């Protein structure tokens, strides 16, 4: 049991350290300043139209698109309209 707890603790510390040292993405505003995810959501939730550029083969981009969509839905509920170029 002690070994399992120690292993779990080691994994958690490693994961935490990795997330601090090597972030998967950065959000930069229109002035070039790094902003938090919530700051970005607060800013873009006031816009009528949002364009989200991506690399088509990048899973982090796809994940972030989903997270942004979910966050905007929490703010605007039924006023959110989603369109994507890959929908036919």
Foldseek 3Di string as FASTA:
>chain_A
DVVVVVVVVVVVVVVVVCCVPPPPDFDADPVRDTDDPVVVLVVCLPDPDDDQDDDPPDVVSVVVVVVSLVSSCVVVPPVDDDDDPVDD
